[in-house]
Amino acid sequence: MMCEVMPTISEAEGPPGGSGGHGSGSPSQPDADSHFEQLMVSMLEERDRLLDTLRETQETLALTQGKLHEVGHERDSLQRQLNTALPQVWMHPELYRFFFSSLGVFMVSFMVFMF
């Protein structure tokens, strides 16, 4: 797989000050300084925007983790209530296997009969 690498900004625009043999298309020193200043301002604005987004995302994550923790406690509490309210039935593993394998055969037979 071939990966194309874009030139850096300094390579794309030539050396600062317009000297270096790039001909009349090279930017003058004030233009290069102005462009560099605009680039720095836009980079700082982008950094600030990304930091704000990061802070918001971290706050959302903290809230979500708190809710997850609360829901986990609520689930555990409900599970304890179910365990105390419902009778505990123990079934021998062989009986369990027979019951559910028979139930599966019954369900398949029933579905074939329906169609």
N, C-alpha and C. Protein backbone atom coordinates (compact mmCIF):
# COMPACT_ATOMS: atom_id res chain seq x y z
N MET A 1 0.85 -1.17 0.00
CA MET A 1 0.00 0.00 0.00
C MET A 1 0.89 1.23 0.00
N MET A 2 0.59 2.17 -0.86
CA MET A 2 1.38 3.39 -0.98
C MET A 2 0.73 4.49 -0.17
N CYS A 3 1.53 5.22 0.58
CA CYS A 3 1.02 6.31 1.41
C CYS A 3 1.62 7.61 0.92
N GLU A 4 0.77 8.53 0.52
CA GLU A 4 1.26 9.81 0.03
C GLU A 4 1.44 10.76 1.20
N VAL A 5 2.59 11.37 1.30
CA VAL A 5 2.89 12.30 2.38
C VAL A 5 2.82 13.71 1.84
N MET A 6 2.02 14.54 2.50
CA MET A 6 1.90 15.94 2.08
C MET A 6 3.11 16.71 2.59
N PRO A 7 3.56 17.70 1.84
CA PRO A 7 4.70 18.49 2.30
C PRO A 7 4.31 19.35 3.50
N THR A 8 5.29 19.67 4.32
CA THR A 8 5.02 20.55 5.45
C THR A 8 4.74 21.94 4.93
N ILE A 9 4.23 22.80 5.77
CA ILE A 9 3.88 24.15 5.35
C ILE A 9 5.10 24.90 4.84
N SER A 10 6.22 24.75 5.53
CA SER A 10 7.42 25.48 5.10
C SER A 10 7.89 25.00 3.74
N GLU A 11 7.76 23.72 3.43
CA GLU A 11 8.15 23.21 2.12
C GLU A 11 7.20 23.69 1.03
N ALA A 12 5.93 23.78 1.36
CA ALA A 12 4.93 24.17 0.37
C ALA A 12 5.06 25.63 -0.01
N GLU A 13 5.49 26.47 0.92
CA GLU A 13 5.52 27.90 0.65
C GLU A 13 6.91 28.43 0.37
N GLY A 14 7.92 27.64 0.55
CA GLY A 14 9.27 28.11 0.32
C GLY A 14 9.85 28.70 1.59
N PRO A 15 11.10 29.11 1.54
CA PRO A 15 11.75 29.66 2.73
C PRO A 15 11.15 31.00 3.13
N PRO A 16 11.20 31.34 4.43
CA PRO A 16 10.65 32.63 4.87
C PRO A 16 11.37 33.78 4.18
N GLY A 17 10.62 34.83 3.90
CA GLY A 17 11.21 36.03 3.31
C GLY A 17 11.19 36.03 1.80
N GLY A 18 10.80 34.95 1.19
CA GLY A 18 10.67 34.90 -0.25
C GLY A 18 11.97 34.65 -0.98
N SER A 19 13.08 34.49 -0.30
CA SER A 19 14.33 34.22 -0.99
C SER A 19 14.53 32.73 -1.11
N GLY A 20 15.40 32.32 -1.98
CA GLY A 20 15.68 30.91 -2.10
C GLY A 20 15.45 30.38 -3.48
N GLY A 21 15.20 31.24 -4.45
CA GLY A 21 15.14 30.81 -5.83
C GLY A 21 13.81 30.24 -6.25
N HIS A 22 12.72 30.57 -5.59
CA HIS A 22 11.41 30.08 -6.01
C HIS A 22 10.75 31.02 -7.00
N GLY A 23 11.44 32.04 -7.41
CA GLY A 23 10.93 32.94 -8.44
C GLY A 23 10.02 34.00 -7.87
N SER A 24 9.25 34.63 -8.77
CA SER A 24 8.42 35.76 -8.36
C SER A 24 7.19 35.32 -7.60
N GLY A 25 6.87 34.01 -7.56
CA GLY A 25 5.69 33.53 -6.85
C GLY A 25 5.88 33.41 -5.35
N SER A 26 7.07 33.63 -4.85
CA SER A 26 7.34 33.50 -3.42
C SER A 26 6.71 34.65 -2.66
N PRO A 27 6.16 34.37 -1.47
CA PRO A 27 5.54 35.44 -0.70
C PRO A 27 6.60 36.36 -0.13
N SER A 28 6.23 37.62 0.04
CA SER A 28 7.17 38.57 0.65
C SER A 28 7.17 38.35 2.16
N GLN A 29 8.11 38.97 2.84
CA GLN A 29 8.25 38.79 4.30
C GLN A 29 6.98 39.18 5.05
N PRO A 30 6.35 40.35 4.78
CA PRO A 30 5.12 40.70 5.50
C PRO A 30 4.00 39.70 5.23
N ASP A 31 3.90 39.22 3.99
CA ASP A 31 2.87 38.23 3.67
C ASP A 31 3.11 36.93 4.43
N ALA A 32 4.36 36.50 4.49
CA ALA A 32 4.70 35.27 5.20
C ALA A 32 4.42 35.42 6.69
N ASP A 33 4.77 36.58 7.26
CA ASP A 33 4.51 36.82 8.68
C ASP A 33 3.02 36.84 8.96
N SER A 34 2.27 37.49 8.06
CA SER A 34 0.82 37.56 8.21
C SER A 34 0.21 36.17 8.14
N HIS A 35 0.67 35.40 7.18
CA HIS A 35 0.16 34.03 7.03
C HIS A 35 0.50 33.18 8.26
N PHE A 36 1.72 33.33 8.74
CA PHE A 36 2.15 32.58 9.92
C PHE A 36 1.31 32.97 11.14
N GLU A 37 1.04 34.26 11.28
CA GLU A 37 0.23 34.73 12.40
C GLU A 37 -1.19 34.18 12.31
N GLN A 38 -1.77 34.20 11.11
CA GLN A 38 -3.11 33.63 10.91
C GLN A 38 -3.12 32.14 11.23
N LEU A 39 -2.08 31.46 10.82
CA LEU A 39 -1.97 30.03 11.09
C LEU A 39 -1.90 29.77 12.59
N MET A 40 -1.11 30.55 13.30
CA MET A 40 -0.98 30.38 14.75
C MET A 40 -2.31 30.67 15.45
N VAL A 41 -3.00 31.73 15.03
CA VAL A 41 -4.29 32.07 15.64
C VAL A 41 -5.29 30.95 15.41
N SER A 42 -5.35 30.44 14.19
CA SER A 42 -6.30 29.36 13.92
C SER A 42 -5.94 28.09 14.68
N MET A 43 -4.65 27.83 14.84
CA MET A 43 -4.24 26.65 15.62
C MET A 43 -4.62 26.82 17.09
N LEU A 44 -4.43 28.01 17.64
CA LEU A 44 -4.80 28.25 19.04
C LEU A 44 -6.31 28.16 19.23
N GLU A 45 -7.08 28.69 18.27
CA GLU A 45 -8.54 28.58 18.36
C GLU A 45 -8.98 27.12 18.30
N GLU A 46 -8.36 26.37 17.41
CA GLU A 46 -8.69 24.94 17.29
C GLU A 46 -8.33 24.20 18.58
N ARG A 47 -7.17 24.54 19.16
CA ARG A 47 -6.77 23.92 20.43
C ARG A 47 -7.79 24.22 21.53
N ASP A 48 -8.23 25.48 21.61
CA ASP A 48 -9.22 25.86 22.62
C ASP A 48 -10.53 25.11 22.41
N ARG A 49 -10.94 25.00 21.14
CA ARG A 49 -12.18 24.29 20.83
C ARG A 49 -12.06 22.82 21.23
N LEU A 50 -10.93 22.20 20.93
CA LEU A 50 -10.72 20.80 21.28
C LEU A 50 -10.65 20.60 22.79
N LEU A 51 -10.04 21.54 23.50
CA LEU A 51 -10.00 21.45 24.97
C LEU A 51 -11.39 21.56 25.57
N ASP A 52 -12.22 22.47 25.02
CA ASP A 52 -13.60 22.58 25.49
C ASP A 52 -14.36 21.29 25.25
N THR A 53 -14.20 20.72 24.07
CA THR A 53 -14.86 19.46 23.75
C THR A 53 -14.38 18.35 24.67
N LEU A 54 -13.09 18.32 24.96
CA LEU A 54 -12.54 17.32 25.87
C LEU A 54 -13.14 17.47 27.26
N ARG A 55 -13.22 18.70 27.76
CA ARG A 55 -13.81 18.93 29.09
C ARG A 55 -15.26 18.47 29.13
N GLU A 56 -16.04 18.82 28.11
CA GLU A 56 -17.44 18.41 28.06
C GLU A 56 -17.56 16.90 28.01
N THR A 57 -16.72 16.26 27.23
CA THR A 57 -16.76 14.81 27.12
C THR A 57 -16.37 14.15 28.44
N GLN A 58 -15.39 14.71 29.13
CA GLN A 58 -14.99 14.16 30.43
C GLN A 58 -16.12 14.31 31.45
N GLU A 59 -16.82 15.45 31.43
CA GLU A 59 -17.96 15.64 32.33
C GLU A 59 -19.07 14.64 32.02
N THR A 60 -19.36 14.46 30.74
CA THR A 60 -20.39 13.50 30.34
C THR A 60 -20.00 12.09 30.76
N LEU A 61 -18.74 11.74 30.59
CA LEU A 61 -18.25 10.43 31.01
C LEU A 61 -18.41 10.24 32.50
N ALA A 62 -18.05 11.25 33.29
CA ALA A 62 -18.17 11.15 34.75
C ALA A 62 -19.63 10.97 35.16
N LEU A 63 -20.54 11.73 34.53
CA LEU A 63 -21.96 11.58 34.84
C LEU A 63 -22.47 10.19 34.46
N THR A 64 -22.07 9.72 33.31
CA THR A 64 -22.50 8.41 32.84
C THR A 64 -21.96 7.30 33.74
N GLN A 65 -20.72 7.43 34.18
CA GLN A 65 -20.15 6.43 35.09
C GLN A 65 -20.88 6.44 36.42
N GLY A 66 -21.26 7.63 36.90
CA GLY A 66 -22.04 7.72 38.14
C GLY A 66 -23.39 7.05 37.99
N LYS A 67 -24.06 7.30 36.87
CA LYS A 67 -25.35 6.65 36.63
C LYS A 67 -25.20 5.14 36.53
N LEU A 68 -24.14 4.69 35.87
CA LEU A 68 -23.88 3.26 35.75
C LEU A 68 -23.69 2.64 37.13
N HIS A 69 -22.97 3.32 37.99
CA HIS A 69 -22.73 2.84 39.35
C HIS A 69 -24.06 2.74 40.12
N GLU A 70 -24.90 3.78 40.00
CA GLU A 70 -26.21 3.77 40.66
C GLU A 70 -27.09 2.63 40.14
N VAL A 71 -27.11 2.46 38.83
CA VAL A 71 -27.93 1.41 38.23
C VAL A 71 -27.43 0.03 38.66
N GLY A 72 -26.12 -0.12 38.80
CA GLY A 72 -25.56 -1.38 39.28
C GLY A 72 -26.04 -1.70 40.68
N HIS A 73 -26.06 -0.68 41.56
CA HIS A 73 -26.56 -0.89 42.92
C HIS A 73 -28.05 -1.23 42.90
N GLU A 74 -28.80 -0.52 42.05
CA GLU A 74 -30.24 -0.78 41.95
C GLU A 74 -30.49 -2.20 41.44
N ARG A 75 -29.71 -2.64 40.45
CA ARG A 75 -29.85 -4.00 39.94
C ARG A 75 -29.57 -5.03 41.03
N ASP A 76 -28.49 -4.81 41.79
CA ASP A 76 -28.15 -5.74 42.87
C ASP A 76 -29.25 -5.79 43.92
N SER A 77 -29.82 -4.63 44.24
CA SER A 77 -30.90 -4.58 45.22
C SER A 77 -32.13 -5.33 44.71
N LEU A 78 -32.48 -5.11 43.45
CA LEU A 78 -33.63 -5.83 42.88
C LEU A 78 -33.37 -7.33 42.80
N GLN A 79 -32.15 -7.71 42.50
CA GLN A 79 -31.81 -9.14 42.45
C GLN A 79 -31.95 -9.77 43.83
N ARG A 80 -31.51 -9.05 44.87
CA ARG A 80 -31.67 -9.57 46.24
C ARG A 80 -33.15 -9.70 46.59
N GLN A 81 -33.96 -8.72 46.19
CA GLN A 81 -35.40 -8.79 46.45
C GLN A 81 -36.02 -9.99 45.74
N LEU A 82 -35.62 -10.21 44.50
CA LEU A 82 -36.14 -11.37 43.76
C LEU A 82 -35.72 -12.67 44.43
N ASN A 83 -34.47 -12.74 44.85
CA ASN A 83 -33.98 -13.97 45.48
C ASN A 83 -34.72 -14.28 46.77
N THR A 84 -35.10 -13.25 47.52
CA THR A 84 -35.83 -13.50 48.77
C THR A 84 -37.30 -13.75 48.51
N ALA A 85 -37.87 -13.15 47.47
CA ALA A 85 -39.31 -13.28 47.22
C ALA A 85 -39.66 -14.58 46.49
N LEU A 86 -38.80 -15.02 45.59
CA LEU A 86 -39.11 -16.22 44.81
C LEU A 86 -38.54 -17.46 45.49
N PRO A 87 -39.27 -18.55 45.42
CA PRO A 87 -38.74 -19.78 46.00
C PRO A 87 -37.56 -20.29 45.16
N GLN A 88 -36.60 -20.84 45.83
CA GLN A 88 -35.44 -21.38 45.14
C GLN A 88 -35.72 -22.84 44.79
N VAL A 89 -35.68 -23.15 43.51
CA VAL A 89 -35.94 -24.51 43.05
C VAL A 89 -34.63 -25.08 42.53
N TRP A 90 -34.32 -26.26 43.03
CA TRP A 90 -33.11 -26.92 42.56
C TRP A 90 -33.54 -28.08 41.68
N MET A 91 -32.91 -28.22 40.53
CA MET A 91 -33.24 -29.31 39.63
C MET A 91 -31.94 -30.04 39.31
N HIS A 92 -32.00 -31.35 39.37
CA HIS A 92 -30.83 -32.16 39.04
C HIS A 92 -30.42 -31.84 37.61
N PRO A 93 -29.12 -31.73 37.34
CA PRO A 93 -28.67 -31.36 35.99
C PRO A 93 -29.19 -32.28 34.89
N GLU A 94 -29.29 -33.59 35.17
CA GLU A 94 -29.81 -34.51 34.14
C GLU A 94 -31.28 -34.22 33.85
N LEU A 95 -32.05 -33.94 34.88
CA LEU A 95 -33.46 -33.62 34.70
C LEU A 95 -33.59 -32.30 33.94
N TYR A 96 -32.77 -31.35 34.30
CA TYR A 96 -32.76 -30.05 33.63
C TYR A 96 -32.46 -30.23 32.14
N ARG A 97 -31.44 -31.01 31.81
CA ARG A 97 -31.05 -31.25 30.43
C ARG A 97 -32.19 -31.96 29.68
N PHE A 98 -32.79 -32.98 30.31
CA PHE A 98 -33.89 -33.72 29.69
C PHE A 98 -35.08 -32.79 29.43
N PHE A 99 -35.42 -31.99 30.44
CA PHE A 99 -36.57 -31.11 30.31
C PHE A 99 -36.39 -30.15 29.14
N PHE A 100 -35.24 -29.48 29.08
CA PHE A 100 -35.05 -28.49 28.03
C PHE A 100 -34.79 -29.12 26.67
N SER A 101 -34.19 -30.30 26.61
CA SER A 101 -34.03 -30.94 25.31
C SER A 101 -35.39 -31.43 24.81
N SER A 102 -36.23 -31.93 25.71
CA SER A 102 -37.58 -32.35 25.33
C SER A 102 -38.41 -31.16 24.91
N LEU A 103 -38.26 -30.06 25.64
CA LEU A 103 -38.99 -28.85 25.30
C LEU A 103 -38.57 -28.36 23.92
N GLY A 104 -37.28 -28.45 23.61
CA GLY A 104 -36.79 -28.04 22.30
C GLY A 104 -37.38 -28.89 21.19
N VAL A 105 -37.44 -30.21 21.40
CA VAL A 105 -38.03 -31.10 20.41
C VAL A 105 -39.51 -30.78 20.25
N PHE A 106 -40.20 -30.52 21.38
CA PHE A 106 -41.61 -30.18 21.33
C PHE A 106 -41.82 -28.89 20.52
N MET A 107 -40.99 -27.88 20.77
CA MET A 107 -41.15 -26.61 20.08
C MET A 107 -40.90 -26.76 18.58
N VAL A 108 -39.90 -27.54 18.20
CA VAL A 108 -39.62 -27.76 16.78
C VAL A 108 -40.79 -28.51 16.15
N SER A 109 -41.29 -29.54 16.83
CA SER A 109 -42.43 -30.30 16.30
C SER A 109 -43.64 -29.40 16.15
N PHE A 110 -43.87 -28.55 17.13
CA PHE A 110 -45.00 -27.65 17.10
C PHE A 110 -44.87 -26.67 15.94
N MET A 111 -43.69 -26.16 15.72
CA MET A 111 -43.47 -25.21 14.64
C MET A 111 -43.66 -25.88 13.28
N VAL A 112 -43.21 -27.11 13.13
CA VAL A 112 -43.38 -27.84 11.88
C VAL A 112 -44.86 -28.10 11.65
N PHE A 113 -45.58 -28.46 12.71
CA PHE A 113 -47.01 -28.73 12.61
C PHE A 113 -47.77 -27.47 12.19
N MET A 114 -47.34 -26.31 12.69
CA MET A 114 -48.05 -25.06 12.39
C MET A 114 -47.91 -24.69 10.92
N PHE A 115 -46.81 -25.02 10.30
CA PHE A 115 -46.58 -24.64 8.91
C PHE A 115 -46.88 -25.81 8.04
